[in-house]
Amino acid sequence: MTERLFWQDPYAREFTARVVRRTARGLVLDRTLFYPTGGGQPHDTGTINGVRVADVVEEGDDIVHVLEGEVPVSDVKGSIDWDRRLDHMQQHDGQHILSEAFVRVCGAETASFHLGREICTIDLDKADVTARHAEEAEALANRVVWENRPITAGFFSREEAAKRPLRKPPQVEGRIRIVEVRDFDACACCGTHAKSSGETGVILVVGVERRKADSRVSFVCGRRALAYAREDIALLREAGGRLSASRTGVPGAVERVMAEAAEARKALAAAEKQLAEHRGRELAAAAPARGRARFAVEVFENRDLKYLQTVANIVVASSGLVAILGGTGEASSVVLARSKDVEVDLRPIAKEVFAVVEGRGGGQPHFVQGGGPGRNVREALRLAEERIAAHLG
């Protein structure tokens, strides 16, 4: 069994130990400061005899240290990455405090916790957690942080644990490790924690996302919160510079730009429609006769399906016309249309045509549209023209 030194003193940075055995994965020591991944908290990193520790995992009562190289001796010296340990303690302490704050604000219990590389999350067991709830919970949690309440951790029997005000009943057998923030939160936990809530620094909620039956709260604490705030300030400053607006004027400037963009899109759509109608009239007038109909065939570069539909509707508004139109862009688009007096069902022909561009489509006997990722749209139009002309004799 590996002795867990990180429970005895989470502030210790170096230790000596003896190699108990070597496994296919790594080293098992008689004692260690390296915290293994578990309880939502990632493992510690650092070195053992100067060799980098890549991973730390629990195997029963043992802790296995996965190394990036060989350690040939049996007596070793380990050193943990203190910045990583401190960051993890700040995030984990913040999670305990924030989880209890959500219980008090809106009765939402924490179902799971994840300490990510950049953002931490807690999943709450209620789907109706609002931004207002998050704001209130954040304020309460930070009051607890700034009151610098003592944080203690210890092992208790199940009988002893049952007498303590635990936020959630423990799910483990045997002796239970309980972490307590004085007069605020008590929770069964095996993670590393600071001696006082003030070391958390600050708790910053950065998002609330409603999911199917629960809510996900994203947050950062301590140094991460400072880095997050600095990044936000930099982004806000850059946005203000681009918009010629002060920090408080950025929202209004963004609304103005969005309104201008909406008007520009509206004007562009109107111009596109006029252009498509004009081109449709030109194609109808110049369409050459082939058998019992005149054929308007055209490929439009970088035009979408909506543009082709507008052109086709204008073409076939006159009698005796067939429109065979293609468009290029991120995908190939095809529209086949006919005037009411041209007797041909375009749907079976369209299946062959859409296959050429590796896509699909649908429509009515007189008007079909579709497309696909294939780039050979010109070949597709040639096939359409041949099939329709053959049907019309």
Protein backbone atom coordinates (compact mmCIF):
# COMPACT_ATOMS: atom_id res chain seq x y z
CA MET A 1 0.00 0.00 0.00
CA THR A 2 1.38 3.41 -1.01
CA GLU A 3 1.41 6.00 1.77
CA ARG A 4 -0.44 9.13 0.60
CA LEU A 5 1.80 12.01 1.69
CA PHE A 6 -0.37 14.53 -0.16
CA TRP A 7 -3.08 13.99 2.45
CA GLN A 8 -0.67 14.65 5.30
CA ASP A 9 0.76 17.85 3.83
CA PRO A 10 -0.62 19.13 0.51
CA TYR A 11 1.93 21.96 0.59
CA ALA A 12 4.99 19.67 0.56
CA ARG A 13 6.86 19.76 -2.73
CA GLU A 14 9.64 17.16 -2.37
CA PHE A 15 9.91 13.71 -0.80
CA THR A 16 12.07 10.62 -0.66
CA ALA A 17 10.77 7.09 -1.16
CA ARG A 18 11.69 3.52 -1.94
CA VAL A 19 10.65 1.61 -5.05
CA VAL A 20 8.39 -1.25 -3.96
CA ARG A 21 8.06 -2.77 -7.42
CA ARG A 22 8.13 -2.01 -11.11
CA THR A 23 5.09 -2.77 -13.23
CA ALA A 24 4.49 -2.64 -16.98
CA ARG A 25 3.08 0.85 -16.48
CA GLY A 26 5.56 2.35 -14.06
CA LEU A 27 6.85 2.56 -10.50
CA VAL A 28 5.07 1.77 -7.26
CA LEU A 29 6.66 3.61 -4.31
CA ASP A 30 6.21 3.03 -0.60
CA ARG A 31 5.17 6.72 -0.21
CA THR A 32 4.39 9.58 -2.57
CA LEU A 33 3.34 13.21 -2.88
CA PHE A 34 1.95 12.62 -6.37
CA TYR A 35 -1.85 12.81 -6.40
CA PRO A 36 -3.41 10.24 -8.80
CA THR A 37 -6.25 11.15 -11.14
CA GLY A 38 -9.60 10.77 -9.37
CA GLY A 39 -12.65 12.54 -8.00
CA GLY A 40 -12.71 14.97 -10.92
CA GLN A 41 -9.15 16.15 -10.17
CA PRO A 42 -6.26 15.43 -12.57
CA HIS A 43 -2.99 13.89 -11.42
CA ASP A 44 0.08 15.79 -10.29
CA THR A 45 3.14 16.09 -12.51
CA GLY A 46 6.79 16.59 -11.64
CA THR A 47 9.91 14.42 -11.56
CA ILE A 48 11.30 11.30 -9.86
CA ASN A 49 15.10 11.37 -9.84
CA GLY A 50 14.91 13.98 -12.58
CA VAL A 51 12.69 11.86 -14.86
CA ARG A 52 9.35 13.43 -15.84
CA VAL A 53 6.18 11.90 -14.39
CA ALA A 54 3.68 11.63 -17.25
CA ASP A 55 0.76 10.06 -15.37
CA VAL A 56 -0.23 8.91 -11.89
CA VAL A 57 -2.90 6.22 -11.44
CA GLU A 58 -4.35 4.19 -8.61
CA GLU A 59 -4.28 0.40 -8.75
CA GLY A 60 -6.08 -0.84 -5.66
CA ASP A 61 -4.17 0.47 -2.64
CA ASP A 62 -1.10 1.26 -4.73
CA ILE A 63 -0.22 4.35 -6.74
CA VAL A 64 1.62 3.79 -10.04
CA HIS A 65 3.90 6.53 -11.39
CA VAL A 66 4.13 6.46 -15.19
CA LEU A 67 7.52 7.89 -16.18
CA GLU A 68 8.97 9.20 -19.42
CA GLY A 69 12.25 7.33 -18.78
CA GLU A 70 13.96 4.75 -16.59
CA VAL A 71 14.87 5.10 -12.91
CA PRO A 72 17.39 2.31 -12.24
CA VAL A 73 17.85 2.76 -8.46
CA SER A 74 15.50 1.77 -5.63
CA ASP A 75 15.84 4.88 -3.46
CA VAL A 76 14.34 7.89 -5.18
CA LYS A 77 13.62 11.57 -4.69
CA GLY A 78 10.41 13.06 -6.05
CA SER A 79 9.44 16.65 -6.74
CA ILE A 80 5.94 17.77 -7.72
CA ASP A 81 5.03 20.65 -10.01
CA TRP A 82 3.93 23.11 -7.33
CA ASP A 83 2.19 25.55 -9.69
CA ARG A 84 -0.02 22.73 -10.97
CA ARG A 85 -0.75 21.51 -7.42
CA LEU A 86 -1.68 25.02 -6.25
CA ASP A 87 -3.92 25.52 -9.28
CA HIS A 88 -5.70 22.25 -8.61
CA MET A 89 -6.21 23.12 -4.94
CA GLN A 90 -7.67 26.51 -5.87
CA GLN A 91 -10.08 24.97 -8.39
CA HIS A 92 -11.10 22.10 -6.08
CA ASP A 93 -11.64 24.34 -3.04
CA GLY A 94 -13.65 26.68 -5.23
CA GLN A 95 -15.78 23.79 -6.45
CA HIS A 96 -16.67 22.69 -2.91
CA ILE A 97 -17.65 26.21 -1.94
CA LEU A 98 -19.56 26.92 -5.16
CA SER A 99 -21.42 23.60 -5.01
CA GLU A 100 -22.71 24.38 -1.52
CA ALA A 101 -23.60 27.89 -2.63
CA PHE A 102 -25.87 26.49 -5.37
CA VAL A 103 -27.54 24.23 -2.80
CA ARG A 104 -28.33 27.27 -0.65
CA VAL A 105 -29.37 29.55 -3.53
CA CYS A 106 -31.60 27.21 -5.56
CA GLY A 107 -31.46 23.73 -4.03
CA ALA A 108 -29.33 22.34 -6.88
CA GLU A 109 -27.00 19.48 -5.92
CA THR A 110 -23.74 18.77 -7.73
CA ALA A 111 -23.91 15.51 -9.67
CA SER A 112 -20.37 15.64 -11.08
CA PHE A 113 -17.26 17.82 -11.20
CA HIS A 114 -14.55 18.13 -13.86
CA LEU A 115 -11.32 20.05 -13.38
CA GLY A 116 -10.25 20.87 -16.93
CA ARG A 117 -7.00 22.37 -18.18
CA GLU A 118 -8.63 25.76 -18.73
CA ILE A 119 -12.23 25.63 -17.46
CA CYS A 120 -13.81 23.71 -14.57
CA THR A 121 -17.42 22.50 -14.64
CA ILE A 122 -20.00 21.22 -12.21
CA ASP A 123 -23.17 19.50 -13.40
CA LEU A 124 -26.16 20.40 -11.22
CA ASP A 125 -29.19 18.11 -10.90
CA LYS A 126 -31.68 20.80 -11.95
CA ALA A 127 -32.42 21.99 -15.47
CA ASP A 128 -33.81 25.38 -14.41
CA VAL A 129 -30.64 26.95 -12.99
CA THR A 130 -30.60 30.53 -14.31
CA ALA A 131 -27.95 33.19 -14.79
CA ARG A 132 -29.46 34.98 -11.79
CA HIS A 133 -28.98 31.85 -9.64
CA ALA A 134 -25.37 31.65 -10.82
CA GLU A 135 -24.77 35.30 -9.93
CA GLU A 136 -26.17 34.83 -6.43
CA ALA A 137 -24.22 31.60 -5.88
CA GLU A 138 -21.03 33.25 -7.09
CA ALA A 139 -21.53 36.17 -4.69
CA LEU A 140 -22.16 33.84 -1.74
CA ALA A 141 -19.17 31.66 -2.62
CA ASN A 142 -16.84 34.64 -2.81
CA ARG A 143 -18.02 35.92 0.57
CA VAL A 144 -16.95 32.57 2.02
CA VAL A 145 -13.60 32.84 0.21
CA TRP A 146 -12.91 36.34 1.51
CA GLU A 147 -13.89 35.41 5.06
CA ASN A 148 -10.85 33.10 4.91
CA ARG A 149 -12.57 30.25 6.71
CA PRO A 150 -10.42 27.29 7.81
CA ILE A 151 -10.49 24.17 5.62
CA THR A 152 -9.87 20.88 7.39
CA ALA A 153 -9.66 17.28 6.21
CA GLY A 154 -9.73 14.03 8.15
CA PHE A 155 -10.85 10.40 8.17
CA PHE A 156 -13.99 9.22 9.94
CA SER A 157 -15.86 6.00 10.42
CA ARG A 158 -19.27 5.66 8.76
CA GLU A 159 -20.92 6.22 12.14
CA GLU A 160 -18.89 9.37 12.74
CA ALA A 161 -19.50 10.60 9.19
CA ALA A 162 -23.26 10.11 9.61
CA LYS A 163 -23.22 12.69 12.42
CA ARG A 164 -21.57 15.39 10.29
CA PRO A 165 -23.54 17.82 8.04
CA LEU A 166 -22.40 16.27 4.75
CA ARG A 167 -23.62 17.85 1.53
CA LYS A 168 -24.01 14.38 -0.02
CA PRO A 169 -24.00 10.91 1.57
CA PRO A 170 -20.66 9.15 0.93
CA GLN A 171 -20.62 6.33 -1.62
CA VAL A 172 -17.52 4.52 -0.29
CA GLU A 173 -16.98 1.78 2.25
CA GLY A 174 -14.61 1.88 5.21
CA ARG A 175 -13.16 5.08 6.64
CA ILE A 176 -14.27 8.24 4.89
CA ARG A 177 -12.17 11.33 4.24
CA ILE A 178 -14.21 14.48 4.81
CA VAL A 179 -13.18 17.98 3.76
CA GLU A 180 -14.88 20.81 5.63
CA VAL A 181 -15.09 24.54 5.07
CA ARG A 182 -15.92 25.76 8.56
CA ASP A 183 -19.63 26.44 9.12
CA PHE A 184 -20.37 26.23 5.39
CA ASP A 185 -19.62 22.94 3.60
CA ALA A 186 -18.70 19.36 4.44
CA CYS A 187 -18.13 16.78 1.74
CA ALA A 188 -16.50 13.38 1.33
CA CYS A 189 -13.45 13.98 -0.86
CA CYS A 190 -10.00 12.52 -1.52
CA GLY A 191 -8.58 15.55 -3.35
CA THR A 192 -5.90 18.04 -2.30
CA HIS A 193 -7.15 21.14 -0.49
CA ALA A 194 -5.69 24.31 1.01
CA LYS A 195 -5.76 25.26 4.69
CA SER A 196 -8.20 28.14 4.26
CA SER A 197 -10.84 29.35 1.83
CA GLY A 198 -8.95 32.61 1.23
CA GLU A 199 -6.30 30.72 -0.74
CA THR A 200 -8.93 30.13 -3.42
CA GLY A 201 -8.48 33.81 -4.29
CA VAL A 202 -11.69 34.40 -6.20
CA ILE A 203 -14.40 32.30 -7.85
CA LEU A 204 -15.61 33.43 -11.28
CA VAL A 205 -18.62 31.78 -12.96
CA VAL A 206 -18.15 32.09 -16.72
CA GLY A 207 -21.21 30.25 -18.04
CA VAL A 208 -24.44 28.40 -17.29
CA GLU A 209 -25.71 25.90 -19.86
CA ARG A 210 -29.02 24.11 -19.66
CA ARG A 211 -28.84 20.49 -20.71
CA LYS A 212 -31.51 17.76 -20.89
CA ALA A 213 -32.25 17.21 -17.21
CA ASP A 214 -29.52 19.23 -15.56
CA SER A 215 -27.42 22.38 -15.82
CA ARG A 216 -23.70 22.76 -16.42
CA VAL A 217 -21.90 25.59 -14.67
CA SER A 218 -18.46 26.63 -15.95
CA PHE A 219 -16.11 28.46 -13.60
CA VAL A 220 -12.49 29.32 -12.82
CA CYS A 221 -10.77 30.17 -9.54
CA GLY A 222 -7.63 31.88 -8.26
CA ARG A 223 -4.91 32.44 -10.85
CA ARG A 224 -7.16 31.12 -13.59
CA ALA A 225 -9.79 33.72 -12.75
CA LEU A 226 -7.18 36.48 -13.00
CA ALA A 227 -5.96 35.16 -16.36
CA TYR A 228 -9.55 34.85 -17.62
CA ALA A 229 -10.35 38.42 -16.57
CA ARG A 230 -7.19 39.74 -18.21
CA GLU A 231 -8.08 37.99 -21.46
CA ASP A 232 -11.61 39.42 -21.35
CA ILE A 233 -10.24 42.93 -20.78
CA ALA A 234 -7.84 42.54 -23.70
CA LEU A 235 -10.65 41.34 -25.97
CA LEU A 236 -12.93 44.16 -24.84
CA ARG A 237 -10.16 46.71 -25.42
CA GLU A 238 -9.54 45.34 -28.91
CA ALA A 239 -13.26 45.37 -29.73
CA GLY A 240 -13.57 48.92 -28.44
CA GLY A 241 -10.65 50.03 -30.58
CA ARG A 242 -12.15 48.49 -33.71
CA LEU A 243 -15.56 50.00 -32.97
CA SER A 244 -14.23 53.36 -31.76
CA ALA A 245 -16.11 52.84 -28.51
CA SER A 246 -15.31 52.98 -24.82
CA ARG A 247 -15.53 49.87 -22.63
CA THR A 248 -19.11 50.70 -21.62
CA GLY A 249 -19.96 51.72 -25.17
CA VAL A 250 -19.02 48.41 -26.79
CA PRO A 251 -22.46 46.76 -26.41
CA GLY A 252 -24.20 49.71 -28.06
CA ALA A 253 -21.59 49.83 -30.83
CA VAL A 254 -22.05 46.11 -31.47
CA GLU A 255 -25.83 46.57 -31.74
CA ARG A 256 -25.29 49.38 -34.21
CA VAL A 257 -22.93 47.33 -36.37
CA MET A 258 -25.30 44.34 -36.29
CA ALA A 259 -28.21 46.53 -37.37
CA GLU A 260 -26.14 47.98 -40.22
CA ALA A 261 -25.08 44.48 -41.28
CA ALA A 262 -28.71 43.30 -41.26
CA GLU A 263 -29.70 46.22 -43.50
CA ALA A 264 -26.79 45.48 -45.82
CA ARG A 265 -27.79 41.81 -46.06
CA LYS A 266 -31.36 42.83 -46.80
CA ALA A 267 -30.24 45.19 -49.56
CA LEU A 268 -27.88 42.58 -50.99
CA ALA A 269 -30.64 39.96 -51.05
CA ALA A 270 -32.90 42.38 -52.93
CA ALA A 271 -30.14 43.13 -55.44
CA GLU A 272 -29.42 39.43 -55.87
CA LYS A 273 -33.10 38.78 -56.58
CA GLN A 274 -33.23 41.54 -59.17
CA LEU A 275 -30.07 40.21 -60.81
CA ALA A 276 -31.46 36.66 -60.90
CA GLU A 277 -34.73 37.85 -62.43
CA HIS A 278 -32.86 39.87 -65.06
CA ARG A 279 -30.65 36.91 -65.94
CA GLY A 280 -33.71 34.66 -66.15
CA ARG A 281 -35.32 36.95 -68.72
CA GLU A 282 -32.09 37.03 -70.74
CA LEU A 283 -31.81 33.22 -70.76
CA ALA A 284 -35.47 32.82 -71.76
CA ALA A 285 -35.08 35.23 -74.66
CA ALA A 286 -31.88 33.59 -75.96
CA ALA A 287 -32.81 29.94 -75.36
CA PRO A 288 -32.28 27.85 -78.54
CA ALA A 289 -34.92 25.42 -79.71
CA ARG A 290 -34.34 21.69 -79.42
CA GLY A 291 -37.20 19.51 -80.51
CA ARG A 292 -40.51 20.58 -78.99
CA ALA A 293 -38.98 23.03 -76.46
CA ARG A 294 -36.36 25.70 -76.03
CA PHE A 295 -33.52 24.94 -73.57
CA ALA A 296 -31.95 27.51 -71.23
CA VAL A 297 -28.74 25.92 -69.91
CA GLU A 298 -26.29 27.80 -67.68
CA VAL A 299 -23.72 27.24 -64.93
CA PHE A 300 -23.46 30.06 -62.40
CA GLU A 301 -20.19 30.37 -60.50
CA ASN A 302 -20.50 30.71 -56.71
CA ARG A 303 -24.29 30.88 -56.73
CA ASP A 304 -26.53 28.99 -54.32
CA LEU A 305 -29.73 27.04 -54.82
CA LYS A 306 -31.97 30.01 -54.00
CA TYR A 307 -30.43 32.06 -56.80
CA LEU A 308 -30.91 29.21 -59.29
CA GLN A 309 -34.55 28.77 -58.22
CA THR A 310 -35.27 32.46 -58.88
CA VAL A 311 -33.67 32.31 -62.33
CA ALA A 312 -35.54 29.10 -63.21
CA ASN A 313 -38.93 30.49 -62.16
CA ILE A 314 -38.44 33.47 -64.46
CA VAL A 315 -37.34 31.26 -67.38
CA VAL A 316 -40.27 28.85 -67.23
CA ALA A 317 -42.84 31.59 -66.68
CA SER A 318 -42.94 31.75 -70.51
CA SER A 319 -44.28 28.86 -72.56
CA GLY A 320 -42.22 26.15 -74.24
CA LEU A 321 -39.11 26.45 -72.08
CA VAL A 322 -36.88 24.10 -70.08
CA ALA A 323 -34.41 25.52 -67.53
CA ILE A 324 -31.32 23.42 -66.75
CA LEU A 325 -29.23 25.37 -64.26
CA GLY A 326 -26.18 24.61 -62.14
CA GLY A 327 -24.32 26.46 -59.43
CA THR A 328 -20.84 26.10 -57.96
CA GLY A 329 -19.56 26.88 -54.47
CA GLU A 330 -18.94 24.77 -51.40
CA ALA A 331 -21.21 22.22 -53.12
CA SER A 332 -22.74 21.80 -56.56
CA SER A 333 -26.38 22.84 -57.02
CA VAL A 334 -28.76 21.78 -59.80
CA VAL A 335 -32.25 23.04 -60.74
CA LEU A 336 -34.38 21.51 -63.50
CA ALA A 337 -37.66 23.23 -64.43
CA ARG A 338 -40.13 23.31 -67.31
CA SER A 339 -43.00 25.43 -68.48
CA LYS A 340 -46.52 24.12 -67.88
CA ASP A 341 -47.00 23.26 -71.54
CA VAL A 342 -43.86 21.09 -71.74
CA GLU A 343 -44.87 17.51 -70.97
CA VAL A 344 -42.06 15.72 -69.11
CA ASP A 345 -41.77 14.45 -65.53
CA LEU A 346 -38.41 15.75 -64.36
CA ARG A 347 -38.20 13.62 -61.20
CA PRO A 348 -36.78 10.34 -62.66
CA ILE A 349 -34.32 12.32 -64.79
CA ALA A 350 -33.23 14.31 -61.73
CA LYS A 351 -32.21 11.13 -59.88
CA GLU A 352 -29.62 10.38 -62.54
CA VAL A 353 -28.47 14.00 -62.63
CA PHE A 354 -28.06 14.33 -58.86
CA ALA A 355 -26.03 11.11 -58.80
CA VAL A 356 -23.44 12.77 -61.05
CA VAL A 357 -22.75 15.37 -58.34
CA GLU A 358 -22.87 12.69 -55.63
CA GLY A 359 -25.98 14.19 -54.08
CA ARG A 360 -29.72 14.07 -53.89
CA GLY A 361 -32.76 16.30 -54.27
CA GLY A 362 -36.48 16.35 -54.91
CA GLY A 363 -39.44 18.35 -56.08
CA GLN A 364 -42.45 18.22 -58.39
CA PRO A 365 -42.82 16.87 -61.93
CA HIS A 366 -42.28 20.39 -63.29
CA PHE A 367 -39.57 21.63 -60.87
CA VAL A 368 -36.78 19.74 -59.05
CA GLN A 369 -33.75 20.95 -57.15
CA GLY A 370 -30.83 19.43 -55.28
CA GLY A 371 -27.09 18.99 -55.29
CA GLY A 372 -24.08 17.38 -53.72
CA PRO A 373 -20.37 17.66 -53.03
CA GLY A 374 -19.30 16.48 -56.49
CA ARG A 375 -17.61 19.12 -58.66
CA ASN A 376 -18.72 17.87 -62.11
CA VAL A 377 -21.83 20.02 -62.34
CA ARG A 378 -21.32 20.71 -66.07
CA GLU A 379 -21.44 16.99 -66.81
CA ALA A 380 -24.64 16.77 -64.76
CA LEU A 381 -26.26 19.51 -66.88
CA ARG A 382 -25.21 17.82 -70.13
CA LEU A 383 -26.83 14.59 -68.94
CA ALA A 384 -30.02 16.46 -67.97
CA GLU A 385 -30.23 18.13 -71.36
CA GLU A 386 -29.75 14.82 -73.19
CA ARG A 387 -32.37 12.97 -71.11
CA ILE A 388 -35.00 15.72 -71.37
CA ALA A 389 -34.40 16.22 -75.11
CA ALA A 390 -34.67 12.46 -75.71
CA HIS A 391 -37.95 12.34 -73.80
CA LEU A 392 -39.37 15.23 -75.82
CA GLY A 393 -38.26 13.59 -79.12
